[in-house]
Amino acid sequence: MEQMLLTKYGFAAQKIARKMLTIEVNQRIPRISDFASELSLGRGTIQGALRFLEENQAIRVESRGHLGTFLLAKDNHKLLQFSGIGQLIGAMPLPYSKKYEGLATGLTKAFKKKDLPFHLAYMRGSLPRVKAMLDGRYDFAIVSRLAAELICKQDPAVQIGLTFGPFSYVSGHSIFLSHPEYTRIESGMKIGIDHTSDDQRELTLAECEGLDVTFIELSYMNLLDMLEIGQIDAAIWNKDEVGRNAPLMKQIPLSRSHAKKIEQKITEACLLIKAEQTELQTILSMLSVEEILETQKKVETKQILPHY
């Protein structure tokens, strides 16, 4: 009997903690009867769970008579602990560009502002990032809108949690050529491709459609090095890195209409989560996308230093 009560109290405390994460200080909280009805638990169990959260200094509430009960203070770190979520960990691309550094800084600042424990990890390739998320290593993954739509279509267990608008992920892409006399991608050329990157793979296939080329499988980060030593003739790469890694290499814009259409989706950053994580979706709704993008722009324009 005692074990059953502990389990019921624990379940109630977990659900109420998750709800408190979404309620701002000085807002009214649901009535005990509302919690009891929603969770199919007795009023005494709900009262015990609320008392547990208060005694552990996760929340502080005040009854104001007929006006209801209001949240006076909360500790998001403790609420996350009692909710069973713990520290939130996200995976995003390696921060090799100012745009990625800006996005990482914006996310870090946004979570810190809400007093939510947060950490970023960095992985190359949208598919490995999402696989690691589904395996439970990360809570969310940052990818382009193109990759997000492809992945969500293939796997209903994944859904988009946040979108950040055009040019939040990359500024665009160019075709990089190994020799200055080249003017376009032609049949007979060796083309670098990274199949772990939905973006680079789809752009490359679209730009080479109808041509008799040889695709050379390479890591995205090695494409320019292979161009420089002549192992491949052309590759599509992120324009945000042009100045730093390819100042002397010939580049031309994308030429195929299908590739240009695909590129529009690649410029936007999306945050993917597991569809079952409804509580994480609620937490994400607390973040200000506008403030994240403002911070990103300040990092890109060197108004502030990146911090992530």
Protein backbone atom coordinates (compact mmCIF):
# COMPACT_ATOMS: atom_id res chain seq x y z
CA MET A 1 0.00 0.00 0.00
CA GLU A 2 2.79 2.41 0.98
CA GLN A 3 4.68 1.61 -2.24
CA MET A 4 1.51 2.28 -4.26
CA LEU A 5 1.05 5.66 -2.58
CA LEU A 6 4.66 6.58 -3.22
CA THR A 7 4.22 5.68 -6.87
CA LYS A 8 1.01 7.71 -7.16
CA TYR A 9 2.60 10.70 -5.43
CA GLY A 10 5.65 10.40 -7.65
CA PHE A 11 3.54 10.28 -10.81
CA ALA A 12 1.54 13.32 -9.68
CA ALA A 13 4.67 15.28 -8.72
CA GLN A 14 6.25 14.52 -12.10
CA LYS A 15 3.21 15.69 -14.07
CA ILE A 16 2.71 18.79 -11.94
CA ALA A 17 6.43 19.66 -12.22
CA ARG A 18 6.15 19.53 -16.01
CA LYS A 19 3.12 21.79 -15.88
CA MET A 20 4.89 24.28 -13.60
CA LEU A 21 7.72 24.57 -16.13
CA THR A 22 5.26 26.18 -18.53
CA ILE A 23 3.70 28.60 -16.04
CA GLU A 24 5.31 31.99 -15.55
CA VAL A 25 5.91 33.46 -12.09
CA ASN A 26 2.91 35.46 -10.81
CA GLN A 27 0.50 33.51 -13.01
CA ARG A 28 -2.39 31.49 -11.61
CA ILE A 29 -1.88 27.73 -11.47
CA PRO A 30 -4.60 25.12 -12.15
CA ARG A 31 -6.94 24.25 -9.28
CA ILE A 32 -6.42 21.03 -7.34
CA SER A 33 -9.66 19.73 -8.81
CA ASP A 34 -8.32 20.48 -12.32
CA PHE A 35 -5.14 18.51 -11.67
CA ALA A 36 -7.14 15.68 -10.10
CA SER A 37 -9.45 15.46 -13.10
CA GLU A 38 -6.66 15.69 -15.67
CA LEU A 39 -4.48 13.05 -13.97
CA SER A 40 -7.35 10.84 -12.73
CA LEU A 41 -6.02 11.06 -9.17
CA GLY A 42 -7.53 12.00 -5.82
CA ARG A 43 -7.36 15.50 -4.37
CA GLY A 44 -5.23 14.23 -1.49
CA THR A 45 -2.63 12.85 -3.90
CA ILE A 46 -2.48 16.17 -5.77
CA GLN A 47 -2.15 18.10 -2.51
CA GLY A 48 0.64 15.78 -1.39
CA ALA A 49 2.50 16.23 -4.69
CA LEU A 50 2.23 20.02 -4.50
CA ARG A 51 3.43 19.94 -0.89
CA PHE A 52 6.41 17.77 -1.97
CA LEU A 53 7.41 20.28 -4.65
CA GLU A 54 7.11 23.16 -2.18
CA GLU A 55 9.06 21.41 0.58
CA ASN A 56 11.85 20.70 -1.91
CA GLN A 57 11.85 24.37 -2.94
CA ALA A 58 10.93 23.64 -6.54
CA ILE A 59 7.96 26.01 -6.33
CA ARG A 60 6.45 28.59 -4.00
CA VAL A 61 2.74 29.29 -4.31
CA GLU A 62 0.22 31.59 -2.62
CA SER A 63 -3.53 31.20 -2.27
CA ARG A 64 -5.49 34.39 -2.98
CA GLY A 65 -8.94 33.24 -2.03
CA HIS A 66 -11.53 33.30 -4.78
CA LEU A 67 -8.87 34.53 -7.23
CA GLY A 68 -7.11 31.17 -7.04
CA THR A 69 -3.54 30.06 -6.27
CA PHE A 70 -0.59 31.84 -7.86
CA LEU A 71 2.99 30.80 -8.57
CA LEU A 72 5.32 33.13 -6.64
CA ALA A 73 8.65 31.48 -7.49
CA LYS A 74 10.06 28.38 -9.16
CA ASP A 75 13.38 26.61 -9.65
CA ASN A 76 13.45 25.27 -13.20
CA HIS A 77 16.50 23.11 -12.45
CA LYS A 78 14.60 21.26 -9.72
CA LEU A 79 11.39 21.14 -11.74
CA LEU A 80 13.25 19.49 -14.61
CA GLN A 81 14.76 17.02 -12.15
CA PHE A 82 11.37 16.13 -10.66
CA SER A 83 9.75 16.02 -14.09
CA GLY A 84 12.12 13.26 -15.16
CA ILE A 85 13.63 15.35 -17.95
CA GLY A 86 16.89 16.54 -16.36
CA GLN A 87 19.41 18.51 -18.40
CA LEU A 88 18.41 19.20 -21.98
CA ILE A 89 21.01 18.29 -24.60
CA GLY A 90 20.79 19.31 -28.24
CA ALA A 91 22.87 18.29 -31.25
CA MET A 92 23.75 20.68 -34.05
CA PRO A 93 26.31 20.95 -36.86
CA LEU A 94 29.95 21.63 -36.07
CA PRO A 95 30.15 25.39 -35.41
CA TYR A 96 32.53 26.12 -38.31
CA SER A 97 30.70 29.28 -39.48
CA LYS A 98 29.60 32.50 -37.80
CA LYS A 99 26.00 31.61 -38.59
CA TYR A 100 26.26 28.31 -36.69
CA GLU A 101 28.14 30.02 -33.86
CA GLY A 102 25.38 32.62 -33.74
CA LEU A 103 22.64 30.01 -33.60
CA ALA A 104 24.46 28.11 -30.85
CA THR A 105 24.92 31.34 -28.89
CA GLY A 106 21.26 32.29 -29.35
CA LEU A 107 20.02 28.90 -28.14
CA THR A 108 22.37 28.93 -25.15
CA LYS A 109 21.26 32.43 -24.17
CA ALA A 110 17.55 31.59 -24.59
CA PHE A 111 17.71 28.50 -22.37
CA LYS A 112 19.78 30.36 -19.77
CA LYS A 113 17.24 33.17 -19.68
CA LYS A 114 14.56 30.63 -18.74
CA ASP A 115 16.92 29.07 -16.17
CA LEU A 116 16.80 25.74 -18.02
CA PRO A 117 19.92 23.52 -17.75
CA PHE A 118 21.14 23.09 -21.30
CA HIS A 119 24.09 21.75 -23.24
CA LEU A 120 24.97 21.53 -26.93
CA ALA A 121 26.85 18.74 -28.65
CA TYR A 122 28.19 18.91 -32.19
CA MET A 123 27.95 16.24 -34.88
CA ARG A 124 28.53 16.24 -38.62
CA GLY A 125 25.59 15.12 -40.76
CA SER A 126 21.85 15.53 -40.23
CA LEU A 127 21.18 11.78 -40.29
CA PRO A 128 23.71 10.91 -37.54
CA ARG A 129 22.36 13.76 -35.39
CA VAL A 130 18.76 12.56 -35.69
CA LYS A 131 19.75 8.92 -35.13
CA ALA A 132 21.58 9.92 -31.94
CA MET A 133 18.46 11.79 -30.82
CA LEU A 134 16.24 8.77 -31.46
CA ASP A 135 18.75 6.58 -29.58
CA GLY A 136 18.28 8.82 -26.53
CA ARG A 137 21.67 10.52 -26.55
CA TYR A 138 20.14 13.93 -27.27
CA ASP A 139 16.79 15.61 -26.68
CA PHE A 140 16.70 17.47 -29.97
CA ALA A 141 18.63 17.93 -33.22
CA ILE A 142 19.19 21.02 -35.37
CA VAL A 143 18.91 20.41 -39.13
CA SER A 144 17.79 22.31 -42.22
CA ARG A 145 14.12 22.49 -43.20
CA LEU A 146 14.87 20.26 -46.19
CA ALA A 147 16.38 17.58 -43.96
CA ALA A 148 13.59 18.03 -41.39
CA GLU A 149 10.86 17.45 -43.96
CA LEU A 150 12.62 14.44 -45.49
CA ILE A 151 13.22 12.84 -42.07
CA CYS A 152 9.71 13.51 -40.73
CA LYS A 153 8.20 12.05 -43.90
CA GLN A 154 10.25 8.87 -43.49
CA ASP A 155 9.87 8.54 -39.72
CA PRO A 156 6.62 9.54 -37.91
CA ALA A 157 8.49 9.25 -34.61
CA VAL A 158 10.17 12.59 -35.42
CA GLN A 159 8.52 15.99 -35.58
CA ILE A 160 9.52 19.64 -35.95
CA GLY A 161 9.65 21.44 -32.60
CA LEU A 162 10.81 24.90 -33.70
CA THR A 163 11.54 26.68 -36.97
CA PHE A 164 13.81 29.71 -37.29
CA GLY A 165 13.02 31.18 -40.69
CA PRO A 166 15.01 31.71 -43.93
CA PHE A 167 18.80 32.12 -43.71
CA SER A 168 18.96 30.97 -40.09
CA TYR A 169 20.87 27.80 -41.07
CA VAL A 170 23.03 28.83 -44.03
CA SER A 171 23.24 31.80 -46.39
CA GLY A 172 23.34 29.58 -49.46
CA HIS A 173 25.58 27.26 -51.47
CA SER A 174 27.98 27.54 -54.39
CA ILE A 175 29.57 25.11 -56.82
CA PHE A 176 33.31 24.99 -56.18
CA LEU A 177 35.58 23.97 -59.06
CA SER A 178 39.11 22.58 -58.90
CA HIS A 179 40.41 24.39 -62.02
CA PRO A 180 39.88 28.02 -63.05
CA GLU A 181 39.14 27.01 -66.65
CA TYR A 182 36.06 25.04 -65.59
CA THR A 183 32.81 26.97 -66.11
CA ARG A 184 30.20 24.42 -65.02
CA ILE A 185 29.68 20.82 -63.96
CA GLU A 186 29.96 18.58 -67.04
CA SER A 187 29.72 14.90 -67.87
CA GLY A 188 32.93 13.03 -67.11
CA MET A 189 33.69 15.00 -63.96
CA LYS A 190 34.30 13.55 -60.49
CA ILE A 191 31.89 15.15 -58.03
CA GLY A 192 32.26 15.10 -54.24
CA ILE A 193 29.18 13.98 -52.30
CA ASP A 194 28.43 13.30 -48.63
CA HIS A 195 25.46 10.96 -48.22
CA THR A 196 25.23 11.62 -44.47
CA SER A 197 24.25 15.22 -45.25
CA ASP A 198 20.73 15.43 -46.68
CA ASP A 199 21.40 18.99 -47.81
CA GLN A 200 24.65 18.45 -49.68
CA ARG A 201 23.46 15.15 -51.17
CA GLU A 202 20.15 16.50 -52.49
CA LEU A 203 21.75 19.67 -53.90
CA THR A 204 24.48 17.66 -55.60
CA LEU A 205 22.06 15.18 -57.15
CA ALA A 206 19.81 17.99 -58.38
CA GLU A 207 22.69 19.96 -59.90
CA CYS A 208 24.10 16.85 -61.63
CA GLU A 209 20.77 15.50 -62.89
CA GLY A 210 21.09 14.17 -66.42
CA LEU A 211 24.90 14.31 -66.44
CA ASP A 212 27.23 11.31 -66.65
CA VAL A 213 29.41 12.11 -63.63
CA THR A 214 31.22 9.97 -61.08
CA PHE A 215 30.23 10.58 -57.47
CA ILE A 216 33.07 10.33 -54.96
CA GLU A 217 31.88 9.69 -51.38
CA LEU A 218 33.62 12.10 -48.99
CA SER A 219 33.11 13.70 -45.62
CA TYR A 220 31.57 17.16 -46.03
CA MET A 221 34.48 18.71 -44.12
CA ASN A 222 37.00 17.21 -46.59
CA LEU A 223 35.37 18.36 -49.83
CA LEU A 224 37.44 21.52 -50.28
CA ASP A 225 40.69 19.74 -49.41
CA MET A 226 39.97 17.12 -52.08
CA LEU A 227 39.23 19.91 -54.57
CA GLU A 228 42.52 21.63 -53.82
CA ILE A 229 44.59 18.51 -54.52
CA GLY A 230 42.55 17.58 -57.60
CA GLN A 231 40.97 14.38 -56.31
CA ILE A 232 37.57 15.71 -57.39
CA ASP A 233 36.58 18.25 -60.03
CA ALA A 234 33.64 19.93 -58.31
CA ALA A 235 31.65 20.02 -55.09
CA ILE A 236 28.77 21.99 -53.63
CA TRP A 237 29.60 23.74 -50.39
CA ASN A 238 28.22 26.25 -47.88
CA LYS A 239 28.84 29.88 -48.91
CA ASP A 240 29.21 30.93 -45.27
CA GLU A 241 32.66 29.34 -45.25
CA VAL A 242 33.93 30.82 -48.51
CA GLY A 243 36.06 33.56 -47.00
CA ARG A 244 37.69 31.34 -44.40
CA ASN A 245 38.41 28.14 -46.33
CA ALA A 246 38.18 28.83 -50.04
CA PRO A 247 39.26 32.40 -50.83
CA LEU A 248 41.11 31.48 -54.04
CA MET A 249 39.01 28.59 -55.29
CA LYS A 250 36.74 29.23 -58.27
CA GLN A 251 33.06 29.16 -57.44
CA ILE A 252 29.91 29.58 -59.48
CA PRO A 253 26.24 29.79 -58.48
CA LEU A 254 23.84 26.88 -58.70
CA SER A 255 22.42 26.62 -62.23
CA ARG A 256 19.56 24.11 -62.11
CA SER A 257 16.09 25.38 -61.16
CA HIS A 258 15.41 22.28 -59.03
CA ALA A 259 18.64 22.80 -57.10
CA LYS A 260 17.74 26.45 -56.46
CA LYS A 261 14.32 25.42 -55.16
CA ILE A 262 15.91 22.89 -52.82
CA GLU A 263 18.40 25.49 -51.59
CA GLN A 264 15.58 27.73 -50.34
CA LYS A 265 14.61 25.05 -47.81
CA ILE A 266 18.22 24.44 -46.83
CA THR A 267 18.70 28.02 -45.63
CA GLU A 268 16.22 27.55 -42.74
CA ALA A 269 17.13 25.93 -39.43
CA CYS A 270 14.66 23.56 -37.77
CA LEU A 271 14.74 21.89 -34.37
CA LEU A 272 13.62 18.25 -34.39
CA ILE A 273 12.30 16.31 -31.41
CA LYS A 274 10.77 12.90 -30.82
CA ALA A 275 7.01 13.08 -31.44
CA GLU A 276 6.30 11.45 -28.07
CA GLN A 277 8.04 14.27 -26.17
CA THR A 278 5.01 16.49 -25.66
CA GLU A 279 6.52 18.01 -22.52
CA LEU A 280 9.64 19.06 -24.45
CA GLN A 281 7.45 20.77 -27.04
CA THR A 282 5.89 22.73 -24.21
CA ILE A 283 9.30 23.75 -22.87
CA LEU A 284 10.43 24.85 -26.34
CA SER A 285 7.36 27.07 -26.63
CA MET A 286 8.81 29.09 -23.73
CA LEU A 287 11.75 30.20 -25.89
CA SER A 288 11.73 33.37 -27.98
CA VAL A 289 12.73 32.58 -31.57
CA GLU A 290 13.00 36.31 -32.24
CA GLU A 291 15.59 36.74 -29.48
CA ILE A 292 17.54 33.70 -30.70
CA LEU A 293 17.72 35.16 -34.21
CA GLU A 294 18.66 38.59 -32.87
CA THR A 295 21.59 37.05 -30.99
CA GLN A 296 22.59 35.08 -34.09
CA LYS A 297 22.70 38.26 -36.17
CA LYS A 298 24.82 40.04 -33.56
CA VAL A 299 27.36 37.21 -33.64
CA GLU A 300 27.42 37.22 -37.45
CA THR A 301 28.02 40.98 -37.55
CA LYS A 302 30.61 40.74 -34.74
CA GLN A 303 28.60 42.94 -32.37
CA ILE A 304 29.03 40.28 -29.69
CA LEU A 305 31.39 37.34 -29.24
CA PRO A 306 30.01 33.81 -29.62
CA HIS A 307 29.39 32.00 -26.34
CA TYR A 308 28.09 28.44 -26.29
